[in-house]
Amino acid sequence: MSRRIYFAILASVAALFAAPGPANAEETKPAMTTEATAMPKPEKSGLLPIDGLNYYYAVYGKGEPLLLLHGGLGTSDMFAPLLPRLAENRTIIAVDLQGHGRTALGERPFSLEGMGDDMAGIVKALGYDKVDVLGYSLGGGVAFRMAVQHPETVRRLVLVSTGFAANGFYDEMRGQQAQVSAAAADFMKDTPMYKSYVAVAPRPDDFPKLLDALGNFMRKDYDYSADVAKLKMPVMLAYGDSDMYKPEHEIKFYQMLGGGLKDAGWMRENLSQNRLAIILNRTHYDVFFAPELTAAALPFLNGETKVKTWDEVLSETK
């Protein structure tokens, strides 16, 4: 594999790769964070045995529970820049996905469906009947499957840079993703992603296996359009305005959820329960730590839909 091809692949999946972690989850080293932001000390953390895997989780803050699911080749530490704001009035449950962060890859197949089941198992194991969920990229796919397969566990759902079908990516992205495999491991030895992985992974030598698992996953053609209608809970879709998904795919997803089909009406009588947020000046690779994301997502997660009327705004100016 040439360096040119490698870096093209790296660019296409930078947000989909990160770090697995140590056997003793209570004594983990910090994994890769964004903009050198360190994660605060969790109030509780550990490993949960779920269907043959030991999932690392950490709990922060107090209030309504919010499950955070990171992107591929990332860890829950990716959300460090947003965590203080998110945890102000909420209990944050951050999980390292299969093969990432402090959760070992294991021998089980790597699939969104399997991890979707696992997340529902984690929620129940931690004593919650229902949680809000925010998932980014790979984590968004897992959150989608969790909500489809276990709707009783999800109150509100935020999908960040997440599509419903493989054809939603720009065409050139699919070709680059198809080339991801263990062959890229040696080229990545000097990257922050690899260094972050080996710093916390319970089995650091599994890095090539993780690349193979991700490559196999990304080479699969999938179309979950038939499952979109199963999402009865309120859903927010959020994308960077320069994301890796085609704008028409983002709009179609929103329309399949019932949004963007007609004018909301003078009294908002036709307003959909679902939302679409386009974050300005953001890409797939940096939208997950944009302050504008929390500014959009938190009111939605809190069920805040009321806005000032025109009459109220005018009266305030008098």
Protein backbone atom coordinates (compact mmCIF):
# COMPACT_ATOMS: atom_id res chain seq x y z
CA MET A 1 0.00 0.00 0.00
CA SER A 2 1.48 3.35 -0.99
CA ARG A 3 1.64 6.28 1.40
CA ARG A 4 -0.57 8.29 -0.95
CA ILE A 5 -3.32 5.68 -0.80
CA TYR A 6 -2.84 5.30 2.94
CA PHE A 7 -3.31 8.98 3.65
CA ALA A 8 -6.38 9.08 1.40
CA ILE A 9 -7.81 6.24 3.48
CA LEU A 10 -6.81 7.93 6.69
CA ALA A 11 -8.59 11.11 5.63
CA SER A 12 -11.77 9.22 4.82
CA VAL A 13 -11.96 7.36 8.12
CA ALA A 14 -10.18 9.63 10.57
CA ALA A 15 -13.41 10.05 12.47
CA LEU A 16 -14.02 6.31 12.41
CA PHE A 17 -10.86 5.19 14.20
CA ALA A 18 -9.50 5.41 17.79
CA ALA A 19 -8.42 3.59 20.96
CA PRO A 20 -9.20 0.42 22.96
CA GLY A 21 -8.22 0.08 26.64
CA PRO A 22 -6.78 -1.65 29.72
CA ALA A 23 -7.94 -4.66 31.64
CA ASN A 24 -8.34 -2.64 34.84
CA ALA A 25 -10.85 0.00 33.82
CA GLU A 26 -10.51 1.85 37.12
CA GLU A 27 -6.86 2.63 36.41
CA THR A 28 -6.96 3.61 32.76
CA LYS A 29 -4.71 6.15 31.14
CA PRO A 30 -6.48 8.95 29.25
CA ALA A 31 -7.17 8.05 25.62
CA MET A 32 -6.99 10.48 22.70
CA THR A 33 -8.97 13.66 23.29
CA THR A 34 -9.74 16.56 21.02
CA GLU A 35 -7.86 19.84 21.24
CA ALA A 36 -5.89 18.48 24.22
CA THR A 37 -9.00 18.57 26.42
CA ALA A 38 -8.78 16.08 29.26
CA MET A 39 -11.77 14.13 30.47
CA PRO A 40 -12.86 14.90 34.04
CA LYS A 41 -12.70 12.14 36.61
CA PRO A 42 -15.84 10.00 36.36
CA GLU A 43 -18.07 9.47 39.35
CA LYS A 44 -18.17 5.80 38.46
CA SER A 45 -16.48 3.66 35.83
CA GLY A 46 -15.69 0.04 35.14
CA LEU A 47 -16.20 -2.92 32.84
CA LEU A 48 -19.56 -4.54 32.13
CA PRO A 49 -19.74 -8.08 30.71
CA ILE A 50 -22.24 -7.95 27.85
CA ASP A 51 -22.67 -10.87 25.42
CA GLY A 52 -19.04 -11.99 25.43
CA LEU A 53 -17.47 -8.50 25.59
CA ASN A 54 -16.29 -6.40 28.52
CA TYR A 55 -17.52 -2.88 27.81
CA TYR A 56 -15.84 0.08 29.46
CA TYR A 57 -18.24 2.73 30.74
CA ALA A 58 -17.87 5.93 32.75
CA VAL A 59 -20.57 8.00 34.44
CA TYR A 60 -20.42 11.79 34.94
CA GLY A 61 -22.79 14.37 36.42
CA LYS A 62 -26.34 14.10 37.74
CA GLY A 63 -29.77 14.41 36.13
CA GLU A 64 -31.59 12.80 33.23
CA PRO A 65 -29.38 10.05 31.72
CA LEU A 66 -27.69 10.64 28.35
CA LEU A 67 -25.75 7.85 26.64
CA LEU A 68 -22.82 9.10 24.52
CA LEU A 69 -21.47 6.93 21.69
CA HIS A 70 -18.24 7.96 19.95
CA GLY A 71 -17.01 7.65 16.37
CA GLY A 72 -14.89 4.89 14.91
CA LEU A 73 -11.22 4.67 15.83
CA GLY A 74 -12.16 7.05 18.62
CA THR A 75 -13.12 6.64 22.26
CA SER A 76 -15.62 8.20 24.61
CA ASP A 77 -12.86 10.73 25.36
CA MET A 78 -13.63 12.33 21.98
CA PHE A 79 -16.47 14.16 23.72
CA ALA A 80 -14.18 15.80 26.30
CA PRO A 81 -14.69 19.34 24.90
CA LEU A 82 -18.48 19.00 25.22
CA LEU A 83 -18.72 16.97 28.41
CA PRO A 84 -18.72 19.83 30.96
CA ARG A 85 -21.70 21.47 29.24
CA LEU A 86 -23.54 18.19 28.73
CA ALA A 87 -23.00 17.09 32.34
CA GLU A 88 -24.24 20.33 33.94
CA ASN A 89 -27.75 18.95 34.42
CA ARG A 90 -27.46 15.38 33.19
CA THR A 91 -26.02 12.01 34.05
CA ILE A 92 -23.65 11.20 31.19
CA ILE A 93 -22.98 7.54 30.42
CA ALA A 94 -19.96 7.32 28.12
CA VAL A 95 -19.16 3.94 26.57
CA ASP A 96 -16.16 2.71 24.59
CA LEU A 97 -17.53 0.67 21.69
CA GLN A 98 -16.37 -2.81 20.72
CA GLY A 99 -12.66 -2.83 19.90
CA HIS A 100 -12.28 0.83 20.87
CA GLY A 101 -10.82 2.59 23.86
CA ARG A 102 -10.78 0.33 26.90
CA THR A 103 -13.16 -2.24 25.38
CA ALA A 104 -11.37 -5.17 23.76
CA LEU A 105 -12.32 -6.30 20.26
CA GLY A 106 -12.97 -9.88 21.32
CA GLU A 107 -13.85 -12.70 18.96
CA ARG A 108 -17.44 -11.72 18.32
CA PRO A 109 -18.51 -10.34 14.91
CA PHE A 110 -18.31 -6.55 14.59
CA SER A 111 -21.73 -5.17 13.64
CA LEU A 112 -24.02 -2.23 14.32
CA GLU A 113 -26.84 -4.62 15.15
CA GLY A 114 -24.78 -6.47 17.75
CA MET A 115 -23.55 -3.28 19.39
CA GLY A 116 -27.08 -1.87 19.33
CA ASP A 117 -28.20 -4.83 21.42
CA ASP A 118 -25.18 -4.36 23.68
CA MET A 119 -26.02 -0.71 24.41
CA ALA A 120 -29.52 -1.68 25.52
CA GLY A 121 -27.91 -4.30 27.76
CA ILE A 122 -25.55 -1.72 29.25
CA VAL A 123 -28.40 0.68 30.00
CA LYS A 124 -30.33 -2.04 31.80
CA ALA A 125 -27.23 -3.30 33.65
CA LEU A 126 -26.65 0.21 34.99
CA GLY A 127 -30.21 0.34 36.30
CA TYR A 128 -31.88 2.62 33.75
CA ASP A 129 -35.17 1.85 32.05
CA LYS A 130 -34.83 4.56 29.38
CA VAL A 131 -32.12 7.04 28.35
CA ASP A 132 -31.53 9.76 25.81
CA VAL A 133 -28.84 8.82 23.29
CA LEU A 134 -26.36 10.91 21.30
CA GLY A 135 -24.23 8.99 18.81
CA TYR A 136 -21.65 10.27 16.36
CA SER A 137 -20.63 8.56 13.10
CA LEU A 138 -20.05 4.88 13.99
CA GLY A 139 -21.68 5.63 17.34
CA GLY A 140 -24.62 7.14 15.50
CA GLY A 141 -25.08 3.90 13.61
CA VAL A 142 -25.01 1.98 16.89
CA ALA A 143 -27.49 4.44 18.41
CA PHE A 144 -29.78 4.02 15.38
CA ARG A 145 -29.77 0.23 15.75
CA MET A 146 -30.32 0.47 19.51
CA ALA A 147 -33.37 2.68 18.95
CA VAL A 148 -34.75 0.39 16.22
CA GLN A 149 -34.11 -2.87 18.07
CA HIS A 150 -34.86 -1.65 21.61
CA PRO A 151 -37.15 1.40 21.30
CA GLU A 152 -38.31 0.97 24.87
CA THR A 153 -34.83 2.01 26.09
CA VAL A 154 -34.54 5.28 24.11
CA ARG A 155 -36.45 8.44 25.02
CA ARG A 156 -34.87 10.91 22.59
CA LEU A 157 -32.24 10.30 19.93
CA VAL A 158 -29.56 12.55 18.43
CA LEU A 159 -27.71 11.16 15.40
CA VAL A 160 -24.61 13.18 14.48
CA SER A 161 -23.04 12.65 11.04
CA THR A 162 -25.04 9.47 10.58
CA GLY A 163 -26.68 8.04 7.46
CA PHE A 164 -29.29 5.37 6.89
CA ALA A 165 -27.64 3.73 3.86
CA ALA A 166 -24.17 3.19 2.41
CA ASN A 167 -25.03 5.18 -0.70
CA GLY A 168 -25.34 8.30 1.43
CA PHE A 169 -21.56 8.78 1.40
CA TYR A 170 -19.90 10.65 -1.43
CA ASP A 171 -18.91 8.07 -4.00
CA GLU A 172 -15.15 8.57 -3.61
CA MET A 173 -15.45 7.90 0.12
CA ARG A 174 -16.79 4.42 -0.46
CA GLY A 175 -13.78 3.49 -2.55
CA GLN A 176 -11.36 4.74 0.09
CA GLN A 177 -13.20 3.02 2.93
CA ALA A 178 -13.10 -0.26 1.04
CA GLN A 179 -9.29 -0.25 1.21
CA VAL A 180 -9.05 -0.15 5.02
CA SER A 181 -7.39 -3.28 6.38
CA ALA A 182 -4.61 -4.55 8.64
CA ALA A 183 -2.17 -3.60 5.87
CA ALA A 184 -2.49 0.03 7.03
CA ALA A 185 -1.32 -0.76 10.58
CA ASP A 186 2.41 -0.18 9.98
CA PHE A 187 1.73 3.17 8.31
CA MET A 188 -0.20 4.29 11.39
CA LYS A 189 2.49 3.58 14.00
CA ASP A 190 3.40 7.27 14.26
CA THR A 191 -0.15 8.61 14.30
CA PRO A 192 -1.98 9.89 17.40
CA MET A 193 -4.69 7.30 16.75
CA TYR A 194 -2.31 4.36 17.08
CA LYS A 195 -0.48 5.87 20.07
CA SER A 196 -3.78 6.52 21.77
CA TYR A 197 -4.89 2.96 21.07
CA VAL A 198 -1.85 1.27 22.58
CA ALA A 199 -1.92 3.63 25.59
CA VAL A 200 -5.20 2.19 26.86
CA ALA A 201 -6.04 -0.98 24.90
CA PRO A 202 -6.29 -4.17 26.95
CA ARG A 203 -4.76 -5.97 23.95
CA PRO A 204 -2.60 -3.46 22.02
CA ASP A 205 -1.56 -6.09 19.47
CA ASP A 206 -5.18 -6.21 18.26
CA PHE A 207 -4.79 -2.95 16.30
CA PRO A 208 -4.41 -4.69 12.91
CA LYS A 209 -7.43 -6.85 13.74
CA LEU A 210 -9.43 -3.72 14.53
CA LEU A 211 -8.52 -2.24 11.14
CA ASP A 212 -9.62 -5.46 9.45
CA ALA A 213 -12.89 -5.44 11.41
CA LEU A 214 -13.57 -1.82 10.46
CA GLY A 215 -12.61 -2.43 6.84
CA ASN A 216 -14.92 -5.43 6.58
CA PHE A 217 -17.68 -3.39 8.20
CA MET A 218 -17.26 -0.45 5.82
CA ARG A 219 -17.12 -2.66 2.72
CA LYS A 220 -20.62 -3.95 3.39
CA ASP A 221 -23.52 -2.43 1.51
CA TYR A 222 -26.40 -1.57 3.82
CA ASP A 223 -29.73 0.20 3.61
CA TYR A 224 -31.76 0.72 6.78
CA SER A 225 -34.45 2.84 5.13
CA ALA A 226 -37.14 0.32 6.04
CA ASP A 227 -36.23 0.76 9.71
CA VAL A 228 -36.41 4.56 9.81
CA ALA A 229 -40.19 4.48 10.28
CA LYS A 230 -39.66 2.41 13.43
CA LEU A 231 -38.13 5.42 15.17
CA LYS A 232 -41.19 6.71 16.99
CA MET A 233 -39.25 8.70 19.59
CA PRO A 234 -38.19 12.30 18.79
CA VAL A 235 -35.06 12.27 16.61
CA MET A 236 -32.56 15.00 15.80
CA LEU A 237 -30.22 14.68 12.83
CA ALA A 238 -27.09 16.84 12.96
CA TYR A 239 -24.45 17.30 10.25
CA GLY A 240 -21.59 19.59 9.44
CA ASP A 241 -22.36 21.73 6.41
CA SER A 242 -19.33 20.07 4.77
CA ASP A 243 -19.95 16.54 5.99
CA MET A 244 -19.03 13.26 4.28
CA TYR A 245 -22.72 12.59 3.57
CA LYS A 246 -24.43 13.97 0.48
CA PRO A 247 -26.84 16.80 1.37
CA GLU A 248 -29.63 15.03 -0.48
CA HIS A 249 -29.11 11.98 1.75
CA GLU A 250 -29.37 14.11 4.88
CA ILE A 251 -32.59 15.73 3.64
CA LYS A 252 -34.08 12.40 2.62
CA PHE A 253 -33.35 10.99 6.07
CA TYR A 254 -35.14 13.95 7.66
CA GLN A 255 -38.10 13.58 5.31
CA MET A 256 -38.33 9.86 6.04
CA LEU A 257 -38.68 10.85 9.69
CA GLY A 258 -41.61 13.10 8.76
CA GLY A 259 -39.78 16.41 8.77
CA GLY A 260 -39.38 18.85 5.90
CA LEU A 261 -42.51 17.69 4.09
CA LYS A 262 -44.61 20.86 4.43
CA ASP A 263 -44.70 24.27 6.00
CA ALA A 264 -44.93 24.16 9.81
CA GLY A 265 -47.86 26.62 9.86
CA TRP A 266 -48.37 30.04 11.41
CA MET A 267 -49.03 28.49 14.84
CA ARG A 268 -46.47 25.69 14.31
CA GLU A 269 -49.39 23.28 14.06
CA ASN A 270 -47.64 21.15 11.44
CA LEU A 271 -44.24 21.15 13.15
CA SER A 272 -42.57 17.74 13.16
CA GLN A 273 -41.36 16.31 16.47
CA ASN A 274 -38.03 15.68 14.74
CA ARG A 275 -35.26 18.16 13.98
CA LEU A 276 -32.50 18.74 11.44
CA ALA A 277 -29.42 20.75 12.44
CA ILE A 278 -26.76 21.82 9.95
CA ILE A 279 -23.68 23.05 11.83
CA LEU A 280 -21.90 25.83 9.95
CA ASN A 281 -18.22 25.59 9.05
CA ARG A 282 -17.94 22.00 10.26
CA THR A 283 -16.92 18.73 8.62
CA HIS A 284 -17.44 15.10 9.53
CA TYR A 285 -14.12 15.18 11.37
CA ASP A 286 -14.78 18.09 13.72
CA VAL A 287 -18.55 18.42 14.11
CA PHE A 288 -18.59 16.15 17.17
CA PHE A 289 -16.84 18.74 19.35
CA ALA A 290 -18.52 21.87 17.94
CA PRO A 291 -20.06 24.04 20.70
CA GLU A 292 -22.95 24.66 18.32
CA LEU A 293 -23.79 20.96 18.52
CA THR A 294 -24.54 21.11 22.24
CA ALA A 295 -26.39 24.41 21.74
CA ALA A 296 -28.71 22.64 19.28
CA ALA A 297 -28.93 19.23 20.93
CA LEU A 298 -29.54 20.13 24.58
CA PRO A 299 -32.84 22.01 24.09
CA PHE A 300 -34.04 19.14 21.91
CA LEU A 301 -32.99 16.53 24.48
CA ASN A 302 -34.69 18.58 27.19
CA GLY A 303 -37.93 18.65 25.21
CA GLU A 304 -37.85 22.43 24.81
CA THR A 305 -39.93 23.33 21.78
CA LYS A 306 -41.49 26.67 22.72
CA VAL A 307 -40.09 29.78 21.05
CA LYS A 308 -41.15 33.40 21.36
CA THR A 309 -43.96 34.47 19.07
CA TRP A 310 -43.68 37.45 16.76
CA ASP A 311 -45.98 39.41 19.10
CA GLU A 312 -43.77 38.59 22.10
CA VAL A 313 -40.62 39.68 20.29
CA LEU A 314 -42.27 42.95 19.18
CA SER A 315 -43.55 43.67 22.67
CA GLU A 316 -40.07 43.34 24.09
CA THR A 317 -38.77 45.99 21.71
CA LYS A 318 -41.30 48.62 22.82
